[in-house]
Amino acid sequence: MKPLLGTYVEISIEYSDETTPINDWFSQAFARIDALQQKLSIHSAKSELNQINLNPNVWIPISRESRRLLQLAMILMHKSDGLFNPTLGANLLGHGIVDDLGFGKRVSLVAYMH
């Protein structure tokens, strides 16, 4: 378990071969998640997510991984009837629930898509 993505990420691996170096698998999995976190971090002005936020109504190319993760987040939002909602950041920021890290004026308002 490691703190990533604003929460704690836990990974479990099932295997049957006791000679398999599963520690390498854990390292690779956490490194992959950390790379995605860097691309989609609201805490970094250079992240792909903030490039989208900084340039409303402009086509911003993003990596395949980021696009897929954003698509999966939207699917999860719809499947959970909005209980998981990755678009709430602007609303939380606007109500002072989360800290403005300097991007507050540039975060576009997001409509809840149901």
Protein backbone atom coordinates (compact mmCIF):
# COMPACT_ATOMS: atom_id res chain seq x y z
CA MET A 1 0.00 0.00 0.00
CA LYS A 2 1.22 3.49 -0.91
CA PRO A 3 -0.26 6.97 -0.79
CA LEU A 4 -1.05 7.82 -4.42
CA LEU A 5 -3.83 9.56 -6.32
CA GLY A 6 -4.98 11.43 -3.22
CA THR A 7 -5.76 8.21 -1.37
CA TYR A 8 -4.09 4.95 -0.40
CA VAL A 9 -3.57 2.52 -3.26
CA GLU A 10 -3.34 -1.14 -2.37
CA ILE A 11 -2.23 -3.78 -4.85
CA SER A 12 -2.51 -7.52 -4.42
CA ILE A 13 -1.05 -10.11 -6.74
CA GLU A 14 -2.07 -13.75 -6.91
CA TYR A 15 0.62 -16.16 -8.04
CA SER A 16 1.44 -19.82 -7.71
CA ASP A 17 5.16 -19.93 -8.49
CA GLU A 18 7.10 -19.14 -5.32
CA THR A 19 10.25 -18.38 -7.32
CA THR A 20 8.57 -15.46 -9.10
CA PRO A 21 10.08 -12.08 -8.07
CA ILE A 22 6.74 -10.47 -7.20
CA ASN A 23 8.45 -7.51 -5.53
CA ASP A 24 9.43 -6.40 -9.04
CA TRP A 25 5.80 -6.61 -10.08
CA PHE A 26 4.73 -4.44 -7.15
CA SER A 27 7.44 -1.91 -7.97
CA GLN A 28 6.38 -1.78 -11.61
CA ALA A 29 2.70 -1.44 -10.75
CA PHE A 30 3.28 1.38 -8.26
CA ALA A 31 5.66 3.13 -10.69
CA ARG A 32 2.95 3.02 -13.37
CA ILE A 33 0.37 4.49 -11.01
CA ASP A 34 2.83 7.18 -9.91
CA ALA A 35 3.48 8.12 -13.56
CA LEU A 36 -0.27 8.52 -14.11
CA GLN A 37 -0.50 10.58 -10.94
CA GLN A 38 2.14 12.96 -12.32
CA LYS A 39 0.24 13.32 -15.60
CA LEU A 40 -3.09 13.98 -13.89
CA SER A 41 -2.04 15.83 -10.74
CA ILE A 42 -3.91 19.01 -9.86
CA HIS A 43 -0.81 19.91 -7.82
CA SER A 44 1.43 20.38 -10.86
CA ALA A 45 0.95 23.21 -13.36
CA LYS A 46 2.66 21.07 -16.01
CA SER A 47 0.39 18.05 -15.64
CA GLU A 48 -1.83 17.09 -18.55
CA LEU A 49 -4.90 17.70 -16.42
CA ASN A 50 -3.85 21.22 -15.57
CA GLN A 51 -2.96 21.92 -19.18
CA ILE A 52 -6.61 21.12 -19.91
CA ASN A 53 -7.72 23.34 -17.01
CA LEU A 54 -5.42 26.19 -18.06
CA ASN A 55 -6.67 26.18 -21.65
CA PRO A 56 -10.47 25.96 -21.69
CA ASN A 57 -12.02 25.41 -25.12
CA VAL A 58 -8.63 24.49 -26.61
CA TRP A 59 -7.76 21.01 -27.87
CA ILE A 60 -4.94 19.72 -25.63
CA PRO A 61 -3.27 16.47 -26.68
CA ILE A 62 -2.86 14.06 -23.78
CA SER A 63 -1.31 10.64 -23.43
CA ARG A 64 -3.25 7.49 -24.19
CA GLU A 65 -2.98 6.47 -20.51
CA SER A 66 -4.46 9.75 -19.28
CA ARG A 67 -7.27 9.60 -21.81
CA ARG A 68 -8.11 6.03 -20.81
CA LEU A 69 -8.04 6.85 -17.10
CA LEU A 70 -10.32 9.86 -17.60
CA GLN A 71 -12.68 7.69 -19.66
CA LEU A 72 -12.73 5.04 -16.93
CA ALA A 73 -13.39 7.72 -14.30
CA MET A 74 -16.42 8.94 -16.26
CA ILE A 75 -17.69 5.37 -16.69
CA LEU A 76 -17.33 4.81 -12.95
CA MET A 77 -19.21 8.05 -12.28
CA HIS A 78 -22.11 6.89 -14.43
CA LYS A 79 -22.11 3.34 -13.05
CA SER A 80 -22.11 4.67 -9.45
CA ASP A 81 -24.91 7.15 -10.18
CA GLY A 82 -22.55 10.00 -9.35
CA LEU A 83 -21.24 8.65 -6.03
CA PHE A 84 -17.77 8.68 -7.60
CA ASN A 85 -17.43 11.98 -9.43
CA PRO A 86 -14.04 13.11 -10.76
CA THR A 87 -15.51 16.44 -11.89
CA LEU A 88 -16.24 17.82 -8.42
CA GLY A 89 -12.88 19.57 -7.97
CA ALA A 90 -14.07 22.95 -9.26
CA ASN A 91 -17.15 22.85 -7.04
CA LEU A 92 -15.16 21.83 -3.98
CA LEU A 93 -12.66 24.59 -4.70
CA GLY A 94 -15.44 27.14 -5.17
CA HIS A 95 -16.93 26.26 -1.79
CA GLY A 96 -13.57 26.37 0.00
CA ILE A 97 -13.65 22.65 0.80
CA VAL A 98 -10.26 22.04 -0.83
CA ASP A 99 -7.30 24.39 -0.93
CA ASP A 100 -6.73 26.62 -3.94
CA LEU A 101 -3.26 25.65 -5.11
CA GLY A 102 -3.05 28.59 -7.49
CA PHE A 103 -5.18 27.11 -10.23
CA GLY A 104 -8.58 28.19 -8.87
CA LYS A 105 -9.21 30.99 -11.34
CA ARG A 106 -8.27 28.73 -14.25
CA VAL A 107 -10.30 25.65 -13.39
CA SER A 108 -13.28 25.64 -15.69
CA LEU A 109 -16.68 24.98 -14.22
CA VAL A 110 -17.72 21.43 -14.83
CA ALA A 111 -21.29 20.30 -15.33
CA TYR A 112 -22.39 17.11 -13.66
CA MET A 113 -23.05 14.64 -16.44
CA HIS A 114 -25.79 12.20 -15.56
